[in-house]
């Protein structure tokens, strides 16, 4: 089990190849980067009043802010949002859907080998949105390229998969 998402890909360099060599599965957690890949947060909002959640108002908030609340993460998300609008127009999927679709269709996970994504949610609505994204197909190539660009923006600051 390890942290893996469209902008946290450290496991691709060593861990996934090692697991493949030994026939082991990988379970990815944090597929939405603690909620950052939902697109609901804006970098400049960090100093304002925030609802309790992954980034504010709980004991893990500082850990998540230190991990993800960096300007280049938000720049990467903006690239993806722009690509979604350009590729899909008014029928663009949400950032949540796009991030989960990236996990299922464009990441290095291999479901046939037993790899899986651990989905989280805090409401029935989130569960339904996550499951709908899982069933949706692959993304347009321009959106996948935008996720790759976002990864390159943040790769230098990616947390290690080991602790």
N, C-alpha and C. Protein backbone atom coordinates (compact mmCIF):
# COMPACT_ATOMS: atom_id res chain seq x y z
N UNK A 1 0.85 -1.17 0.00
CA UNK A 1 0.00 0.00 0.00
C UNK A 1 0.89 1.23 0.00
N UNK A 2 0.53 2.21 -0.81
CA UNK A 2 1.31 3.43 -0.84
C UNK A 2 0.55 4.60 -1.43
N UNK A 3 1.08 5.79 -1.16
CA UNK A 3 0.50 7.01 -1.67
C UNK A 3 0.79 7.11 -3.17
N UNK A 4 -0.27 7.29 -3.96
CA UNK A 4 -0.10 7.37 -5.41
C UNK A 4 -1.29 8.11 -6.00
N UNK A 5 -0.99 9.10 -6.82
CA UNK A 5 -2.03 9.81 -7.55
C UNK A 5 -1.37 10.53 -8.72
N UNK A 6 -2.14 11.28 -9.46
CA UNK A 6 -1.65 11.90 -10.69
C UNK A 6 -0.51 12.89 -10.44
N UNK A 7 -0.41 13.43 -9.23
CA UNK A 7 0.67 14.37 -8.93
C UNK A 7 1.60 13.87 -7.82
N UNK A 8 1.46 12.64 -7.44
CA UNK A 8 2.35 12.01 -6.45
C UNK A 8 2.72 10.65 -7.00
N UNK A 9 3.78 10.61 -7.79
CA UNK A 9 4.11 9.40 -8.55
C UNK A 9 5.46 8.80 -8.16
N UNK A 10 5.94 9.10 -7.00
CA UNK A 10 7.25 8.61 -6.58
C UNK A 10 7.36 7.09 -6.67
N UNK A 11 6.26 6.38 -6.47
CA UNK A 11 6.29 4.91 -6.49
C UNK A 11 6.63 4.35 -7.86
N UNK A 12 6.46 5.14 -8.91
CA UNK A 12 6.72 4.64 -10.26
C UNK A 12 8.20 4.36 -10.52
N UNK A 13 9.08 5.07 -9.83
CA UNK A 13 10.51 4.96 -10.11
C UNK A 13 11.11 3.63 -9.66
N UNK A 14 10.78 3.20 -8.45
CA UNK A 14 11.40 1.98 -7.90
C UNK A 14 10.39 0.96 -7.39
N UNK A 15 9.41 1.45 -6.62
CA UNK A 15 8.53 0.51 -5.93
C UNK A 15 7.69 -0.33 -6.88
N UNK A 16 7.01 0.29 -7.82
CA UNK A 16 6.18 -0.50 -8.73
C UNK A 16 7.00 -1.49 -9.56
N UNK A 17 8.14 -1.09 -10.11
CA UNK A 17 8.95 -2.10 -10.82
C UNK A 17 9.38 -3.27 -9.91
N UNK A 18 9.71 -2.97 -8.67
CA UNK A 18 10.10 -4.03 -7.73
C UNK A 18 8.92 -4.96 -7.45
N UNK A 19 7.76 -4.38 -7.21
CA UNK A 19 6.57 -5.21 -6.96
C UNK A 19 6.25 -6.08 -8.17
N UNK A 20 6.39 -5.52 -9.37
CA UNK A 20 6.13 -6.30 -10.59
C UNK A 20 7.09 -7.49 -10.67
N UNK A 21 8.35 -7.23 -10.36
CA UNK A 21 9.37 -8.29 -10.45
C UNK A 21 9.03 -9.46 -9.55
N UNK A 22 8.47 -9.16 -8.37
CA UNK A 22 8.18 -10.22 -7.41
C UNK A 22 6.71 -10.63 -7.39
N UNK A 23 5.94 -10.14 -8.35
CA UNK A 23 4.55 -10.55 -8.48
C UNK A 23 3.65 -10.07 -7.35
N UNK A 24 3.97 -8.92 -6.78
CA UNK A 24 3.18 -8.39 -5.67
C UNK A 24 2.22 -7.30 -6.14
N UNK A 25 1.14 -7.15 -5.41
CA UNK A 25 0.12 -6.14 -5.71
C UNK A 25 0.45 -4.81 -5.06
N UNK A 26 -0.18 -3.78 -5.57
CA UNK A 26 -0.03 -2.44 -4.98
C UNK A 26 -1.42 -1.86 -4.77
N UNK A 27 -1.67 -1.37 -3.57
CA UNK A 27 -2.93 -0.68 -3.26
C UNK A 27 -2.60 0.80 -3.09
N UNK A 28 -3.17 1.62 -3.95
CA UNK A 28 -2.90 3.06 -3.93
C UNK A 28 -3.90 3.76 -3.02
N UNK A 29 -3.36 4.52 -2.08
CA UNK A 29 -4.23 5.37 -1.27
C UNK A 29 -3.93 6.83 -1.62
N UNK A 30 -4.83 7.71 -1.22
CA UNK A 30 -4.70 9.14 -1.47
C UNK A 30 -4.83 9.48 -2.96
N UNK A 31 -5.77 8.86 -3.68
CA UNK A 31 -5.87 9.10 -5.13
C UNK A 31 -6.26 10.53 -5.50
N UNK A 32 -6.78 11.28 -4.54
CA UNK A 32 -7.16 12.67 -4.80
C UNK A 32 -6.23 13.65 -4.07
N UNK A 33 -5.05 13.18 -3.68
CA UNK A 33 -4.07 14.04 -3.00
C UNK A 33 -4.70 14.75 -1.80
N UNK A 34 -5.36 13.97 -0.98
CA UNK A 34 -5.99 14.54 0.21
C UNK A 34 -7.14 15.47 -0.09
N UNK A 35 -7.65 15.43 -1.31
CA UNK A 35 -8.74 16.31 -1.72
C UNK A 35 -8.28 17.46 -2.60
N UNK A 36 -6.97 17.67 -2.68
CA UNK A 36 -6.47 18.77 -3.51
C UNK A 36 -6.86 18.59 -4.97
N UNK A 37 -6.87 17.35 -5.45
CA UNK A 37 -7.21 17.09 -6.85
C UNK A 37 -8.72 17.15 -7.13
N UNK A 38 -9.50 17.55 -6.15
CA UNK A 38 -10.91 17.80 -6.41
C UNK A 38 -11.11 19.16 -7.08
N UNK A 39 -10.10 20.03 -6.96
CA UNK A 39 -10.20 21.37 -7.52
C UNK A 39 -10.98 22.34 -6.65
N UNK A 40 -11.37 21.91 -5.48
CA UNK A 40 -12.20 22.78 -4.62
C UNK A 40 -11.39 23.81 -3.86
N UNK A 41 -10.09 23.61 -3.77
CA UNK A 41 -9.23 24.52 -3.01
C UNK A 41 -8.48 25.47 -3.94
N UNK A 42 -8.21 26.66 -3.43
CA UNK A 42 -7.39 27.64 -4.15
C UNK A 42 -6.24 28.02 -3.22
N UNK A 43 -5.06 28.16 -3.78
CA UNK A 43 -3.86 28.43 -2.98
C UNK A 43 -4.04 29.64 -2.08
N UNK A 44 -4.58 30.71 -2.63
CA UNK A 44 -4.71 31.96 -1.88
C UNK A 44 -5.72 31.86 -0.73
N UNK A 45 -6.51 30.80 -0.69
CA UNK A 45 -7.50 30.63 0.37
C UNK A 45 -6.91 30.14 1.68
N UNK A 46 -5.63 29.82 1.70
CA UNK A 46 -5.05 29.20 2.89
C UNK A 46 -5.12 30.08 4.13
N UNK A 47 -5.16 31.39 3.94
CA UNK A 47 -5.17 32.29 5.09
C UNK A 47 -6.58 32.67 5.53
N UNK A 48 -7.58 32.29 4.78
CA UNK A 48 -8.95 32.60 5.14
C UNK A 48 -9.58 31.50 5.98
N UNK A 49 -10.80 31.71 6.39
CA UNK A 49 -11.52 30.70 7.16
C UNK A 49 -11.83 29.52 6.26
N UNK A 50 -11.51 28.34 6.71
CA UNK A 50 -11.69 27.13 5.92
C UNK A 50 -12.60 26.15 6.66
N UNK A 51 -13.36 25.38 5.92
CA UNK A 51 -14.16 24.34 6.57
C UNK A 51 -13.24 23.24 7.08
N UNK A 52 -13.67 22.57 8.13
CA UNK A 52 -12.88 21.45 8.64
C UNK A 52 -12.79 20.38 7.57
N UNK A 53 -11.64 19.82 7.42
CA UNK A 53 -11.41 18.79 6.42
C UNK A 53 -9.97 18.34 6.45
N UNK A 54 -9.52 17.79 5.36
CA UNK A 54 -8.18 17.23 5.28
C UNK A 54 -7.10 18.28 5.52
N UNK A 55 -7.32 19.52 5.07
CA UNK A 55 -6.29 20.55 5.14
C UNK A 55 -6.47 21.53 6.29
N UNK A 56 -7.63 21.54 6.92
CA UNK A 56 -7.90 22.52 7.97
C UNK A 56 -8.75 21.90 9.07
N UNK A 57 -8.41 22.23 10.32
CA UNK A 57 -9.28 21.93 11.44
C UNK A 57 -9.21 20.53 12.01
N UNK A 58 -8.14 19.78 11.75
CA UNK A 58 -8.00 18.47 12.39
C UNK A 58 -6.52 18.19 12.63
N UNK A 59 -6.24 17.10 13.31
CA UNK A 59 -4.86 16.82 13.72
C UNK A 59 -3.93 16.50 12.56
N UNK A 60 -4.46 16.07 11.42
CA UNK A 60 -3.63 15.76 10.26
C UNK A 60 -3.48 16.94 9.31
N UNK A 61 -4.17 18.03 9.56
CA UNK A 61 -4.20 19.15 8.61
C UNK A 61 -2.81 19.68 8.29
N UNK A 62 -1.97 19.86 9.29
CA UNK A 62 -0.63 20.39 9.03
C UNK A 62 0.19 19.44 8.16
N UNK A 63 0.06 18.15 8.39
CA UNK A 63 0.77 17.16 7.58
C UNK A 63 0.35 17.30 6.12
N UNK A 64 -0.95 17.39 5.88
CA UNK A 64 -1.43 17.50 4.50
C UNK A 64 -1.07 18.84 3.87
N UNK A 65 -1.13 19.92 4.64
CA UNK A 65 -0.72 21.22 4.07
C UNK A 65 0.77 21.20 3.72
N UNK A 66 1.59 20.63 4.59
CA UNK A 66 3.03 20.55 4.30
C UNK A 66 3.31 19.68 3.08
N UNK A 67 2.50 18.68 2.87
CA UNK A 67 2.70 17.76 1.75
C UNK A 67 2.24 18.37 0.43
N UNK A 68 1.09 19.01 0.42
CA UNK A 68 0.46 19.41 -0.84
C UNK A 68 0.20 20.90 -1.04
N UNK A 69 0.09 21.68 0.03
CA UNK A 69 -0.34 23.07 -0.12
C UNK A 69 0.83 23.95 -0.55
N UNK A 70 1.20 23.79 -1.80
CA UNK A 70 2.32 24.52 -2.38
C UNK A 70 1.87 25.10 -3.71
N UNK A 71 2.39 26.26 -4.00
CA UNK A 71 1.91 26.97 -5.19
C UNK A 71 2.02 26.14 -6.46
N UNK A 72 3.10 25.39 -6.61
CA UNK A 72 3.27 24.61 -7.84
C UNK A 72 2.23 23.49 -7.97
N UNK A 73 1.71 22.98 -6.86
CA UNK A 73 0.62 22.00 -6.95
C UNK A 73 -0.62 22.65 -7.56
N UNK A 74 -0.91 23.86 -7.12
CA UNK A 74 -2.08 24.57 -7.64
C UNK A 74 -1.88 24.98 -9.10
N UNK A 75 -0.65 25.30 -9.47
CA UNK A 75 -0.36 25.60 -10.88
C UNK A 75 -0.61 24.36 -11.74
N UNK A 76 -0.23 23.20 -11.24
CA UNK A 76 -0.47 21.95 -11.96
C UNK A 76 -1.96 21.67 -12.12
N UNK A 77 -2.71 21.89 -11.07
CA UNK A 77 -4.16 21.69 -11.13
C UNK A 77 -4.78 22.63 -12.16
N UNK A 78 -4.31 23.87 -12.19
CA UNK A 78 -4.82 24.84 -13.17
C UNK A 78 -4.55 24.38 -14.60
N UNK A 79 -3.39 23.77 -14.84
CA UNK A 79 -3.09 23.22 -16.17
C UNK A 79 -4.11 22.15 -16.56
N UNK A 80 -4.43 21.28 -15.61
CA UNK A 80 -5.38 20.20 -15.89
C UNK A 80 -6.78 20.77 -16.12
N UNK A 81 -7.19 21.71 -15.28
CA UNK A 81 -8.51 22.33 -15.45
C UNK A 81 -8.63 22.99 -16.83
N UNK A 82 -7.58 23.66 -17.25
CA UNK A 82 -7.58 24.31 -18.57
C UNK A 82 -7.69 23.26 -19.67
N UNK A 83 -6.95 22.17 -19.53
CA UNK A 83 -7.00 21.09 -20.53
C UNK A 83 -8.37 20.44 -20.57
N UNK A 84 -9.00 20.27 -19.41
CA UNK A 84 -10.34 19.69 -19.37
C UNK A 84 -11.32 20.57 -20.14
N UNK A 85 -11.26 21.87 -19.92
CA UNK A 85 -12.16 22.79 -20.62
C UNK A 85 -11.90 22.78 -22.13
N UNK A 86 -10.62 22.76 -22.51
CA UNK A 86 -10.28 22.76 -23.93
C UNK A 86 -10.72 21.46 -24.61
N UNK A 87 -10.57 20.35 -23.92
CA UNK A 87 -10.88 19.04 -24.52
C UNK A 87 -12.36 18.71 -24.51
N UNK A 88 -13.07 19.13 -23.47
CA UNK A 88 -14.46 18.69 -23.30
C UNK A 88 -15.47 19.83 -23.35
N UNK A 89 -15.02 21.07 -23.25
CA UNK A 89 -15.94 22.19 -23.26
C UNK A 89 -16.91 22.15 -22.09
N UNK A 90 -18.16 22.42 -22.37
CA UNK A 90 -19.16 22.50 -21.30
C UNK A 90 -19.48 21.14 -20.67
N UNK A 91 -19.05 20.06 -21.29
CA UNK A 91 -19.30 18.73 -20.72
C UNK A 91 -18.05 18.16 -20.04
N UNK A 92 -17.14 19.05 -19.62
CA UNK A 92 -15.90 18.61 -18.98
C UNK A 92 -16.20 17.86 -17.68
N UNK A 93 -15.51 16.75 -17.46
CA UNK A 93 -15.66 16.06 -16.18
C UNK A 93 -15.07 16.92 -15.06
N UNK A 94 -15.49 16.65 -13.84
CA UNK A 94 -14.93 17.36 -12.69
C UNK A 94 -13.47 16.98 -12.51
N UNK A 95 -12.75 17.78 -11.74
CA UNK A 95 -11.36 17.42 -11.41
C UNK A 95 -11.32 16.09 -10.67
N UNK A 96 -12.28 15.87 -9.79
CA UNK A 96 -12.34 14.60 -9.06
C UNK A 96 -12.43 13.44 -10.04
N UNK A 97 -13.36 13.54 -10.97
CA UNK A 97 -13.54 12.49 -11.96
C UNK A 97 -12.28 12.31 -12.79
N UNK A 98 -11.69 13.40 -13.24
CA UNK A 98 -10.48 13.32 -14.07
C UNK A 98 -9.34 12.66 -13.31
N UNK A 99 -9.15 13.04 -12.05
CA UNK A 99 -8.05 12.46 -11.26
C UNK A 99 -8.26 10.96 -11.05
N UNK A 100 -9.49 10.55 -10.79
CA UNK A 100 -9.76 9.12 -10.60
C UNK A 100 -9.67 8.37 -11.93
N UNK A 101 -10.13 8.97 -12.99
CA UNK A 101 -9.99 8.34 -14.31
C UNK A 101 -8.52 8.18 -14.69
N UNK A 102 -7.69 9.15 -14.32
CA UNK A 102 -6.26 9.01 -14.56
C UNK A 102 -5.74 7.77 -13.81
N UNK A 103 -6.16 7.62 -12.57
CA UNK A 103 -5.71 6.47 -11.77
C UNK A 103 -6.07 5.15 -12.44
N UNK A 104 -7.29 5.04 -12.93
CA UNK A 104 -7.79 3.77 -13.46
C UNK A 104 -7.37 3.49 -14.90
N UNK A 105 -7.09 4.53 -15.67
CA UNK A 105 -6.84 4.32 -17.10
C UNK A 105 -5.46 4.75 -17.59
N UNK A 106 -4.74 5.55 -16.81
CA UNK A 106 -3.49 6.11 -17.33
C UNK A 106 -2.31 5.95 -16.38
N UNK A 107 -2.54 5.49 -15.18
CA UNK A 107 -1.44 5.30 -14.22
C UNK A 107 -0.74 3.98 -14.53
N UNK A 108 0.23 3.64 -13.70
CA UNK A 108 0.93 2.37 -13.87
C UNK A 108 0.29 1.23 -13.08
N UNK A 109 -0.88 1.47 -12.53
CA UNK A 109 -1.59 0.39 -11.83
C UNK A 109 -2.06 -0.65 -12.84
N UNK A 110 -2.07 -1.89 -12.40
CA UNK A 110 -2.51 -2.99 -13.26
C UNK A 110 -3.52 -3.84 -12.50
N UNK A 111 -4.79 -3.56 -12.76
CA UNK A 111 -5.86 -4.28 -12.09
C UNK A 111 -5.79 -5.78 -12.29
N UNK A 112 -5.36 -6.22 -13.46
CA UNK A 112 -5.27 -7.66 -13.72
C UNK A 112 -4.22 -8.34 -12.85
N UNK A 113 -3.29 -7.58 -12.31
CA UNK A 113 -2.28 -8.12 -11.39
C UNK A 113 -2.71 -7.97 -9.94
N UNK A 114 -3.89 -7.39 -9.72
CA UNK A 114 -4.40 -7.24 -8.37
C UNK A 114 -4.20 -5.87 -7.76
N UNK A 115 -3.64 -4.93 -8.52
CA UNK A 115 -3.51 -3.57 -8.00
C UNK A 115 -4.90 -2.97 -7.80
N UNK A 116 -5.01 -2.05 -6.86
CA UNK A 116 -6.30 -1.44 -6.56
C UNK A 116 -6.11 -0.01 -6.07
N UNK A 117 -7.20 0.73 -6.10
CA UNK A 117 -7.23 2.10 -5.58
C UNK A 117 -8.14 2.10 -4.36
N UNK A 118 -7.66 2.67 -3.28
CA UNK A 118 -8.47 2.81 -2.07
C UNK A 118 -9.21 4.14 -2.17
N UNK A 119 -10.51 4.07 -2.35
CA UNK A 119 -11.33 5.27 -2.46
C UNK A 119 -11.82 5.69 -1.08
N UNK A 120 -11.84 6.98 -0.85
CA UNK A 120 -12.38 7.51 0.39
C UNK A 120 -13.51 8.46 0.07
N UNK A 121 -14.32 8.72 1.06
CA UNK A 121 -15.42 9.65 0.89
C UNK A 121 -15.94 10.04 2.26
N UNK A 122 -16.60 11.18 2.31
CA UNK A 122 -17.21 11.60 3.57
C UNK A 122 -18.71 11.82 3.42
N UNK A 123 -19.25 11.45 2.26
CA UNK A 123 -20.70 11.57 2.07
C UNK A 123 -21.13 10.59 0.98
N UNK A 124 -22.41 10.31 0.95
CA UNK A 124 -22.96 9.45 -0.10
C UNK A 124 -22.75 10.08 -1.48
N UNK A 125 -22.88 11.39 -1.56
CA UNK A 125 -22.67 12.09 -2.83
C UNK A 125 -21.24 11.88 -3.35
N UNK A 126 -20.26 11.97 -2.45
CA UNK A 126 -18.87 11.73 -2.87
C UNK A 126 -18.67 10.29 -3.31
N UNK A 127 -19.27 9.35 -2.60
CA UNK A 127 -19.17 7.94 -3.00
C UNK A 127 -19.73 7.75 -4.40
N UNK A 128 -20.90 8.30 -4.65
CA UNK A 128 -21.52 8.16 -5.97
C UNK A 128 -20.67 8.79 -7.06
N UNK A 129 -20.10 9.98 -6.78
CA UNK A 129 -19.24 10.63 -7.78
C UNK A 129 -17.98 9.80 -8.04
N UNK A 130 -17.39 9.26 -6.97
CA UNK A 130 -16.19 8.44 -7.13
C UNK A 130 -16.48 7.18 -7.94
N UNK A 131 -17.58 6.53 -7.65
CA UNK A 131 -17.92 5.30 -8.37
C UNK A 131 -18.25 5.59 -9.84
N UNK A 132 -18.90 6.71 -10.10
CA UNK A 132 -19.18 7.09 -11.49
C UNK A 132 -17.88 7.35 -12.24
N UNK A 133 -16.92 7.97 -11.59
CA UNK A 133 -15.62 8.22 -12.22
C UNK A 133 -14.90 6.92 -12.53
N UNK A 134 -15.00 5.97 -11.61
CA UNK A 134 -14.35 4.67 -11.81
C UNK A 134 -14.90 3.99 -13.05
N UNK A 135 -16.20 4.15 -13.29
CA UNK A 135 -16.84 3.51 -14.44
C UNK A 135 -16.62 4.26 -15.75
N UNK A 136 -16.24 5.54 -15.65
CA UNK A 136 -16.04 6.34 -16.86
C UNK A 136 -14.78 5.87 -17.58
N UNK A 137 -14.69 6.20 -18.82
CA UNK A 137 -13.56 5.75 -19.64
C UNK A 137 -12.31 6.59 -19.48
N UNK A 138 -11.40 6.36 -20.38
CA UNK A 138 -10.12 7.06 -20.35
C UNK A 138 -10.32 8.54 -20.69
N UNK A 139 -9.30 9.32 -20.41
CA UNK A 139 -9.32 10.75 -20.66
C UNK A 139 -8.78 11.08 -22.04
N UNK A 140 -9.12 12.23 -22.55
CA UNK A 140 -8.55 12.72 -23.80
C UNK A 140 -7.03 12.87 -23.62
N UNK A 141 -6.26 12.59 -24.67
CA UNK A 141 -4.80 12.68 -24.57
C UNK A 141 -4.28 14.02 -24.04
N UNK A 142 -4.92 15.12 -24.41
CA UNK A 142 -4.46 16.43 -23.95
C UNK A 142 -4.58 16.57 -22.43
N UNK A 143 -5.58 15.92 -21.85
CA UNK A 143 -5.75 15.97 -20.40
C UNK A 143 -4.69 15.10 -19.72
N UNK A 144 -4.41 13.95 -20.29
CA UNK A 144 -3.35 13.09 -19.76
C UNK A 144 -2.02 13.84 -19.82
N UNK A 145 -1.77 14.53 -20.91
CA UNK A 145 -0.54 15.32 -21.04
C UNK A 145 -0.49 16.43 -19.99
N UNK A 146 -1.64 17.04 -19.69
CA UNK A 146 -1.68 18.08 -18.66
C UNK A 146 -1.36 17.49 -17.29
N UNK A 147 -1.88 16.30 -17.00
CA UNK A 147 -1.51 15.64 -15.74
C UNK A 147 -0.01 15.35 -15.70
N UNK A 148 0.56 14.96 -16.83
CA UNK A 148 2.01 14.72 -16.89
C UNK A 148 2.78 16.01 -16.64
N UNK A 149 2.31 17.11 -17.21
CA UNK A 149 2.95 18.41 -16.97
C UNK A 149 2.84 18.79 -15.50
N UNK A 150 1.67 18.56 -14.91
CA UNK A 150 1.47 18.86 -13.50
C UNK A 150 2.45 18.05 -12.65
N UNK A 151 2.62 16.78 -12.98
CA UNK A 151 3.57 15.93 -12.26
C UNK A 151 4.98 16.50 -12.36
N UNK A 152 5.37 16.93 -13.55
CA UNK A 152 6.71 17.49 -13.71
C UNK A 152 6.90 18.77 -12.88
N UNK A 153 5.83 19.54 -12.71
CA UNK A 153 5.91 20.75 -11.89
C UNK A 153 6.18 20.43 -10.42
N UNK A 154 5.66 19.32 -9.93
CA UNK A 154 5.73 19.02 -8.50
C UNK A 154 6.68 17.89 -8.15
N UNK A 155 7.22 17.21 -9.13
CA UNK A 155 8.03 16.01 -8.88
C UNK A 155 9.19 16.27 -7.93
N UNK A 156 9.80 17.44 -8.03
CA UNK A 156 10.95 17.76 -7.17
C UNK A 156 10.56 17.81 -5.69
N UNK A 157 9.29 17.94 -5.43
CA UNK A 157 8.80 18.12 -4.07
C UNK A 157 7.91 16.96 -3.62
N UNK A 158 7.93 15.89 -4.38
CA UNK A 158 7.05 14.75 -4.10
C UNK A 158 7.51 14.03 -2.83
N UNK A 159 6.58 13.73 -1.92
CA UNK A 159 6.97 12.97 -0.73
C UNK A 159 7.41 11.56 -1.11
N UNK A 160 8.37 11.04 -0.37
CA UNK A 160 8.82 9.67 -0.59
C UNK A 160 7.71 8.68 -0.25
N UNK A 161 7.71 7.56 -0.92
CA UNK A 161 6.72 6.52 -0.64
C UNK A 161 7.10 5.74 0.61
N UNK A 162 8.32 5.86 1.06
CA UNK A 162 8.76 5.16 2.27
C UNK A 162 8.94 6.19 3.38
N UNK A 163 8.82 5.72 4.60
CA UNK A 163 8.99 6.63 5.75
C UNK A 163 10.01 6.09 6.69
